[in-house]
Amino acid sequence: MAVHWEPYLNIELQPVGPDDLAQLEQEWGVKLPEEYKVLVAAYQGMAPIPDVFNVGPRSTNVFNVLLTIKRHEGHESYSVRRIHEVLKPHIPKGIFPFAETPGGESICFDYRANPTQPKIVLVTVETFIYPIADNLTDFLNKLHD
């Protein structure tokens, strides 16, 4: 199913350029997936439709918003850097947020097993980590109503 994106944050967002992404990669010490770079440059601060994803065989959750690369005054809580700062003391190294659920859980890249091709995981508010997909493409393809 094709994913469409709708505005979520009702603010004018600063554009994301290659330098912004390179800086984030340097800060985190990772190589971000190319698909993510294209996605966040076009759709940061937006919500996907469809937006439901499976967590294990019996549970679902909702992809609420694609986090922003830059902090925006009054909306810092939607910044990948801010969310990472909050999560970092509570999660293993190699996990980086890129989206959020309505309940404040984080959808993250998980580089622990592979430094070049991260898996996608859900980090709950209790900091439990659940696998969602093998990669970003797989995750987006699994979104449903």
N, C-alpha and C. Protein backbone atom coordinates (compact mmCIF):
# COMPACT_ATOMS: atom_id res chain seq x y z
N MET A 1 0.84 -1.17 0.00
CA MET A 1 0.00 0.00 0.00
C MET A 1 0.90 1.25 0.00
N ALA A 2 0.58 2.19 -0.83
CA ALA A 2 1.36 3.43 -0.92
C ALA A 2 1.10 4.30 0.31
N VAL A 3 2.15 4.93 0.78
CA VAL A 3 2.05 5.83 1.93
C VAL A 3 1.89 7.26 1.41
N HIS A 4 0.92 7.96 1.96
CA HIS A 4 0.72 9.38 1.68
C HIS A 4 1.03 10.13 2.97
N TRP A 5 1.45 11.37 2.85
CA TRP A 5 1.84 12.15 4.02
C TRP A 5 0.95 13.37 4.17
N GLU A 6 0.53 13.62 5.40
CA GLU A 6 -0.33 14.76 5.70
C GLU A 6 0.33 15.62 6.78
N PRO A 7 0.10 16.94 6.75
CA PRO A 7 0.68 17.81 7.77
C PRO A 7 0.26 17.38 9.17
N TYR A 8 1.18 17.44 10.09
CA TYR A 8 0.91 17.15 11.49
C TYR A 8 1.25 18.36 12.35
N LEU A 9 2.48 18.86 12.20
CA LEU A 9 2.88 20.06 12.92
C LEU A 9 2.45 21.27 12.11
N ASN A 10 1.67 22.12 12.70
CA ASN A 10 1.17 23.30 11.98
C ASN A 10 2.12 24.48 12.14
N ILE A 11 3.35 24.26 11.71
CA ILE A 11 4.36 25.33 11.73
C ILE A 11 5.14 25.25 10.44
N GLU A 12 5.81 26.34 10.11
CA GLU A 12 6.69 26.33 8.94
C GLU A 12 8.03 25.74 9.37
N LEU A 13 8.39 24.63 8.77
CA LEU A 13 9.62 23.93 9.15
C LEU A 13 10.78 24.38 8.29
N GLN A 14 11.96 24.47 8.90
CA GLN A 14 13.16 24.78 8.14
C GLN A 14 13.47 23.60 7.24
N PRO A 15 13.86 23.83 6.00
CA PRO A 15 14.16 22.72 5.09
C PRO A 15 15.35 21.90 5.60
N VAL A 16 15.33 20.62 5.25
CA VAL A 16 16.41 19.70 5.60
C VAL A 16 17.29 19.53 4.36
N GLY A 17 18.57 19.84 4.51
CA GLY A 17 19.50 19.68 3.41
C GLY A 17 20.54 18.61 3.70
N PRO A 18 21.36 18.30 2.70
CA PRO A 18 22.40 17.29 2.88
C PRO A 18 23.34 17.60 4.05
N ASP A 19 23.65 18.88 4.26
CA ASP A 19 24.55 19.24 5.37
C ASP A 19 23.92 18.93 6.72
N ASP A 20 22.60 19.16 6.84
CA ASP A 20 21.89 18.85 8.09
C ASP A 20 21.96 17.35 8.38
N LEU A 21 21.78 16.55 7.35
CA LEU A 21 21.80 15.09 7.52
C LEU A 21 23.22 14.60 7.81
N ALA A 22 24.20 15.19 7.15
CA ALA A 22 25.60 14.81 7.40
C ALA A 22 25.99 15.16 8.83
N GLN A 23 25.52 16.30 9.33
CA GLN A 23 25.81 16.69 10.71
C GLN A 23 25.19 15.71 11.70
N LEU A 24 23.94 15.29 11.44
CA LEU A 24 23.28 14.33 12.31
C LEU A 24 24.03 12.99 12.28
N GLU A 25 24.44 12.55 11.10
CA GLU A 25 25.22 11.30 10.99
C GLU A 25 26.51 11.41 11.80
N GLN A 26 27.17 12.55 11.73
CA GLN A 26 28.41 12.74 12.48
C GLN A 26 28.13 12.73 13.99
N GLU A 27 27.08 13.41 14.43
CA GLU A 27 26.74 13.44 15.85
C GLU A 27 26.43 12.04 16.38
N TRP A 28 25.69 11.28 15.62
CA TRP A 28 25.28 9.95 16.07
C TRP A 28 26.30 8.87 15.72
N GLY A 29 27.23 9.15 14.82
CA GLY A 29 28.23 8.16 14.42
C GLY A 29 27.65 7.03 13.60
N VAL A 30 26.66 7.35 12.74
CA VAL A 30 26.01 6.33 11.91
C VAL A 30 25.87 6.84 10.49
N LYS A 31 25.55 5.94 9.59
CA LYS A 31 25.18 6.27 8.22
C LYS A 31 23.68 6.06 8.11
N LEU A 32 22.94 7.15 7.96
CA LEU A 32 21.49 7.06 7.87
C LEU A 32 21.08 6.41 6.54
N PRO A 33 20.02 5.61 6.55
CA PRO A 33 19.55 5.01 5.29
C PRO A 33 19.18 6.09 4.27
N GLU A 34 19.55 5.86 3.03
CA GLU A 34 19.26 6.83 1.97
C GLU A 34 17.76 7.10 1.87
N GLU A 35 16.94 6.07 2.02
CA GLU A 35 15.50 6.26 1.95
C GLU A 35 15.02 7.22 3.04
N TYR A 36 15.61 7.11 4.22
CA TYR A 36 15.24 8.02 5.30
C TYR A 36 15.61 9.45 4.95
N LYS A 37 16.79 9.65 4.37
CA LYS A 37 17.22 11.00 4.03
C LYS A 37 16.22 11.66 3.07
N VAL A 38 15.79 10.93 2.07
CA VAL A 38 14.81 11.45 1.12
C VAL A 38 13.48 11.71 1.82
N LEU A 39 13.08 10.76 2.64
CA LEU A 39 11.80 10.85 3.36
C LEU A 39 11.75 12.06 4.29
N VAL A 40 12.76 12.22 5.13
CA VAL A 40 12.74 13.30 6.12
C VAL A 40 12.91 14.67 5.45
N ALA A 41 13.64 14.73 4.35
CA ALA A 41 13.78 16.00 3.64
C ALA A 41 12.44 16.46 3.08
N ALA A 42 11.61 15.52 2.70
CA ALA A 42 10.31 15.87 2.12
C ALA A 42 9.17 15.93 3.13
N TYR A 43 9.23 15.10 4.18
CA TYR A 43 8.05 14.91 5.03
C TYR A 43 8.27 15.09 6.53
N GLN A 44 9.38 15.69 6.97
CA GLN A 44 9.56 15.87 8.41
C GLN A 44 8.36 16.61 8.99
N GLY A 45 7.98 16.21 10.20
CA GLY A 45 6.85 16.86 10.86
C GLY A 45 5.49 16.46 10.31
N MET A 46 5.45 15.44 9.46
CA MET A 46 4.19 15.01 8.85
C MET A 46 3.81 13.61 9.36
N ALA A 47 2.56 13.24 9.07
CA ALA A 47 2.02 11.93 9.49
C ALA A 47 1.70 11.09 8.27
N PRO A 48 2.03 9.79 8.33
CA PRO A 48 1.73 8.92 7.19
C PRO A 48 0.30 8.41 7.22
N ILE A 49 -0.22 8.14 6.05
CA ILE A 49 -1.51 7.46 5.88
C ILE A 49 -1.26 6.35 4.88
N PRO A 50 -1.48 5.08 5.18
CA PRO A 50 -1.93 4.52 6.46
C PRO A 50 -0.85 4.68 7.53
N ASP A 51 -1.28 4.47 8.80
CA ASP A 51 -0.36 4.75 9.90
C ASP A 51 -0.24 3.65 10.95
N VAL A 52 -0.94 2.54 10.78
CA VAL A 52 -0.92 1.46 11.77
C VAL A 52 0.19 0.46 11.42
N PHE A 53 0.90 -0.02 12.45
CA PHE A 53 1.91 -1.05 12.24
C PHE A 53 1.78 -2.11 13.32
N ASN A 54 2.24 -3.31 13.00
CA ASN A 54 2.19 -4.43 13.94
C ASN A 54 3.44 -4.44 14.81
N VAL A 55 3.22 -4.78 16.07
CA VAL A 55 4.31 -4.98 17.02
C VAL A 55 4.11 -6.39 17.55
N GLY A 56 4.87 -7.32 16.99
CA GLY A 56 4.67 -8.72 17.35
C GLY A 56 3.39 -9.24 16.72
N PRO A 57 3.01 -10.46 17.06
CA PRO A 57 1.85 -11.09 16.42
C PRO A 57 0.50 -10.62 16.94
N ARG A 58 0.46 -9.95 18.10
CA ARG A 58 -0.84 -9.65 18.70
C ARG A 58 -1.09 -8.18 19.00
N SER A 59 -0.19 -7.31 18.66
CA SER A 59 -0.34 -5.91 19.04
C SER A 59 -0.11 -5.00 17.84
N THR A 60 -0.75 -3.83 17.89
CA THR A 60 -0.53 -2.82 16.87
C THR A 60 -0.23 -1.48 17.55
N ASN A 61 0.29 -0.56 16.77
CA ASN A 61 0.55 0.79 17.25
C ASN A 61 0.37 1.72 16.07
N VAL A 62 0.57 3.02 16.29
CA VAL A 62 0.34 4.02 15.25
C VAL A 62 1.57 4.89 15.06
N PHE A 63 1.97 5.07 13.81
CA PHE A 63 3.04 5.98 13.43
C PHE A 63 2.40 7.35 13.39
N ASN A 64 2.69 8.17 14.39
CA ASN A 64 2.03 9.46 14.55
C ASN A 64 2.69 10.58 13.75
N VAL A 65 4.02 10.70 13.88
CA VAL A 65 4.71 11.82 13.23
C VAL A 65 6.17 11.48 12.94
N LEU A 66 6.63 11.90 11.77
CA LEU A 66 8.04 11.80 11.41
C LEU A 66 8.75 12.98 12.06
N LEU A 67 9.67 12.68 12.96
CA LEU A 67 10.34 13.73 13.74
C LEU A 67 11.15 14.67 12.86
N THR A 68 11.37 15.88 13.36
CA THR A 68 12.11 16.89 12.61
C THR A 68 13.61 16.75 12.84
N ILE A 69 14.38 17.24 11.90
CA ILE A 69 15.84 17.22 12.04
C ILE A 69 16.30 18.40 12.87
N LYS A 70 15.71 19.56 12.62
CA LYS A 70 16.07 20.77 13.37
C LYS A 70 15.04 21.01 14.47
N ARG A 71 15.49 21.67 15.53
CA ARG A 71 14.57 22.05 16.60
C ARG A 71 13.83 23.30 16.18
N HIS A 72 12.55 23.34 16.47
CA HIS A 72 11.73 24.50 16.16
C HIS A 72 11.12 25.00 17.44
N GLU A 73 11.28 26.27 17.71
CA GLU A 73 10.82 26.86 18.96
C GLU A 73 9.37 26.50 19.24
N GLY A 74 9.14 25.98 20.44
CA GLY A 74 7.80 25.57 20.83
C GLY A 74 7.45 24.15 20.40
N HIS A 75 8.29 23.55 19.57
CA HIS A 75 8.05 22.19 19.08
C HIS A 75 9.30 21.32 19.20
N GLU A 76 10.14 21.63 20.19
CA GLU A 76 11.38 20.88 20.39
C GLU A 76 11.14 19.40 20.64
N SER A 77 9.99 19.08 21.21
CA SER A 77 9.69 17.68 21.54
C SER A 77 9.51 16.82 20.29
N TYR A 78 9.49 17.43 19.11
CA TYR A 78 9.37 16.68 17.86
C TYR A 78 10.71 16.57 17.13
N SER A 79 11.80 16.94 17.78
CA SER A 79 13.13 16.90 17.18
C SER A 79 13.80 15.55 17.47
N VAL A 80 14.43 14.95 16.45
CA VAL A 80 15.15 13.69 16.65
C VAL A 80 16.23 13.86 17.72
N ARG A 81 16.87 15.01 17.73
CA ARG A 81 17.94 15.24 18.72
C ARG A 81 17.38 15.30 20.14
N ARG A 82 16.27 15.99 20.32
CA ARG A 82 15.67 16.11 21.65
C ARG A 82 15.19 14.74 22.15
N ILE A 83 14.52 14.00 21.30
CA ILE A 83 14.04 12.67 21.70
C ILE A 83 15.24 11.78 22.03
N HIS A 84 16.29 11.86 21.23
CA HIS A 84 17.48 11.04 21.49
C HIS A 84 18.11 11.42 22.83
N GLU A 85 18.18 12.71 23.14
CA GLU A 85 18.72 13.14 24.43
C GLU A 85 17.94 12.53 25.60
N VAL A 86 16.64 12.48 25.45
CA VAL A 86 15.79 11.92 26.52
C VAL A 86 15.99 10.41 26.63
N LEU A 87 16.05 9.72 25.49
CA LEU A 87 16.16 8.26 25.49
C LEU A 87 17.56 7.75 25.85
N LYS A 88 18.58 8.46 25.43
CA LYS A 88 19.96 7.98 25.49
C LYS A 88 20.37 7.36 26.82
N PRO A 89 20.06 7.95 27.97
CA PRO A 89 20.48 7.33 29.23
C PRO A 89 19.75 6.01 29.55
N HIS A 90 18.68 5.71 28.82
CA HIS A 90 17.83 4.58 29.17
C HIS A 90 17.84 3.42 28.17
N ILE A 91 18.52 3.60 27.04
CA ILE A 91 18.52 2.57 26.00
C ILE A 91 19.95 2.21 25.61
N PRO A 92 20.14 1.05 24.98
CA PRO A 92 21.49 0.67 24.54
C PRO A 92 22.02 1.63 23.46
N LYS A 93 23.33 1.70 23.35
CA LYS A 93 23.96 2.48 22.28
C LYS A 93 23.54 1.87 20.94
N GLY A 94 23.40 2.74 19.94
CA GLY A 94 23.08 2.26 18.60
C GLY A 94 21.61 2.36 18.23
N ILE A 95 20.80 2.94 19.11
CA ILE A 95 19.37 3.10 18.82
C ILE A 95 19.06 4.60 18.73
N PHE A 96 18.44 4.99 17.60
CA PHE A 96 18.19 6.41 17.32
C PHE A 96 16.77 6.62 16.82
N PRO A 97 16.04 7.57 17.42
CA PRO A 97 14.64 7.80 17.05
C PRO A 97 14.48 8.54 15.73
N PHE A 98 13.39 8.22 15.02
CA PHE A 98 13.06 9.00 13.82
C PHE A 98 11.57 9.32 13.75
N ALA A 99 10.75 8.68 14.59
CA ALA A 99 9.30 8.93 14.56
C ALA A 99 8.73 8.65 15.94
N GLU A 100 7.47 9.08 16.13
CA GLU A 100 6.80 8.88 17.41
C GLU A 100 5.39 8.35 17.22
N THR A 101 4.91 7.69 18.27
CA THR A 101 3.53 7.22 18.32
C THR A 101 2.70 8.23 19.10
N PRO A 102 1.36 8.13 19.06
CA PRO A 102 0.54 9.06 19.84
C PRO A 102 0.79 8.97 21.35
N GLY A 103 1.25 7.81 21.82
CA GLY A 103 1.51 7.62 23.25
C GLY A 103 2.90 8.04 23.68
N GLY A 104 3.67 8.67 22.79
CA GLY A 104 5.00 9.13 23.14
C GLY A 104 6.08 8.06 23.06
N GLU A 105 5.76 6.93 22.42
CA GLU A 105 6.77 5.91 22.21
C GLU A 105 7.58 6.28 20.97
N SER A 106 8.78 5.76 20.87
CA SER A 106 9.67 6.13 19.77
C SER A 106 9.87 4.98 18.79
N ILE A 107 9.75 5.32 17.51
CA ILE A 107 10.09 4.39 16.44
C ILE A 107 11.52 4.73 16.07
N CYS A 108 12.40 3.72 16.14
CA CYS A 108 13.84 3.99 16.07
C CYS A 108 14.57 3.10 15.07
N PHE A 109 15.71 3.63 14.62
CA PHE A 109 16.68 2.82 13.91
C PHE A 109 17.49 2.08 14.97
N ASP A 110 17.77 0.79 14.71
CA ASP A 110 18.56 -0.02 15.62
C ASP A 110 19.79 -0.53 14.88
N TYR A 111 20.93 0.09 15.16
CA TYR A 111 22.19 -0.24 14.49
C TYR A 111 23.00 -1.28 15.25
N ARG A 112 22.48 -1.85 16.33
CA ARG A 112 23.29 -2.74 17.17
C ARG A 112 23.80 -3.97 16.43
N ALA A 113 23.01 -4.55 15.55
CA ALA A 113 23.42 -5.77 14.85
C ALA A 113 24.14 -5.48 13.53
N ASN A 114 23.85 -4.32 12.93
CA ASN A 114 24.43 -4.01 11.62
C ASN A 114 24.66 -2.50 11.53
N PRO A 115 25.92 -2.07 11.44
CA PRO A 115 26.22 -0.64 11.44
C PRO A 115 25.84 0.10 10.15
N THR A 116 25.45 -0.64 9.12
CA THR A 116 25.11 0.02 7.85
C THR A 116 23.64 -0.16 7.46
N GLN A 117 22.96 -1.13 8.03
CA GLN A 117 21.56 -1.38 7.68
C GLN A 117 20.75 -1.59 8.97
N PRO A 118 20.24 -0.49 9.53
CA PRO A 118 19.53 -0.62 10.81
C PRO A 118 18.18 -1.29 10.69
N LYS A 119 17.84 -2.05 11.72
CA LYS A 119 16.49 -2.58 11.85
C LYS A 119 15.61 -1.47 12.42
N ILE A 120 14.31 -1.68 12.40
CA ILE A 120 13.37 -0.71 12.96
C ILE A 120 12.78 -1.33 14.23
N VAL A 121 12.81 -0.57 15.32
CA VAL A 121 12.30 -1.04 16.61
C VAL A 121 11.39 0.02 17.22
N LEU A 122 10.56 -0.45 18.14
CA LEU A 122 9.73 0.44 18.95
C LEU A 122 10.32 0.49 20.35
N VAL A 123 10.55 1.69 20.87
CA VAL A 123 11.01 1.86 22.24
C VAL A 123 9.82 2.44 23.01
N THR A 124 9.33 1.67 23.97
CA THR A 124 8.16 2.09 24.73
C THR A 124 8.55 3.12 25.79
N VAL A 125 7.55 3.72 26.40
CA VAL A 125 7.83 4.70 27.46
C VAL A 125 8.52 4.04 28.65
N GLU A 126 8.35 2.73 28.81
CA GLU A 126 9.06 1.99 29.86
C GLU A 126 10.43 1.56 29.40
N THR A 127 10.83 1.95 28.19
CA THR A 127 12.09 1.64 27.51
C THR A 127 12.26 0.16 27.17
N PHE A 128 11.15 -0.55 26.98
CA PHE A 128 11.23 -1.87 26.39
C PHE A 128 11.45 -1.68 24.90
N ILE A 129 12.17 -2.60 24.29
CA ILE A 129 12.49 -2.50 22.86
C ILE A 129 11.88 -3.69 22.13
N TYR A 130 11.03 -3.39 21.14
CA TYR A 130 10.35 -4.43 20.37
C TYR A 130 10.71 -4.29 18.89
N PRO A 131 11.08 -5.40 18.24
CA PRO A 131 11.37 -5.34 16.80
C PRO A 131 10.09 -5.08 16.00
N ILE A 132 10.24 -4.30 14.94
CA ILE A 132 9.10 -4.00 14.07
C ILE A 132 9.37 -4.48 12.64
N ALA A 133 10.56 -4.16 12.10
CA ALA A 133 10.86 -4.49 10.70
C ALA A 133 12.36 -4.61 10.50
N ASP A 134 12.73 -5.27 9.41
CA ASP A 134 14.15 -5.46 9.10
C ASP A 134 14.83 -4.20 8.59
N ASN A 135 14.04 -3.28 8.01
CA ASN A 135 14.60 -2.03 7.50
C ASN A 135 13.46 -1.03 7.29
N LEU A 136 13.81 0.19 6.91
CA LEU A 136 12.82 1.24 6.75
C LEU A 136 11.82 0.94 5.64
N THR A 137 12.30 0.43 4.52
CA THR A 137 11.41 0.09 3.40
C THR A 137 10.38 -0.93 3.84
N ASP A 138 10.84 -1.97 4.51
CA ASP A 138 9.95 -3.02 5.00
C ASP A 138 8.92 -2.43 5.97
N PHE A 139 9.36 -1.55 6.86
CA PHE A 139 8.47 -0.92 7.82
C PHE A 139 7.37 -0.12 7.11
N LEU A 140 7.77 0.73 6.19
CA LEU A 140 6.80 1.56 5.47
C LEU A 140 5.83 0.70 4.65
N ASN A 141 6.33 -0.37 4.08
CA ASN A 141 5.46 -1.27 3.30
C ASN A 141 4.45 -2.02 4.17
N LYS A 142 4.75 -2.15 5.45
CA LYS A 142 3.85 -2.87 6.36
C LYS A 142 2.80 -1.97 7.01
N LEU A 143 2.87 -0.65 6.81
CA LEU A 143 1.86 0.23 7.37
C LEU A 143 0.50 -0.10 6.77
N HIS A 144 -0.52 -0.10 7.62
CA HIS A 144 -1.87 -0.46 7.15
C HIS A 144 -2.91 0.35 7.91
N ASP A 145 -4.17 0.23 7.45
CA ASP A 145 -5.28 0.93 8.11
C ASP A 145 -5.69 0.21 9.37
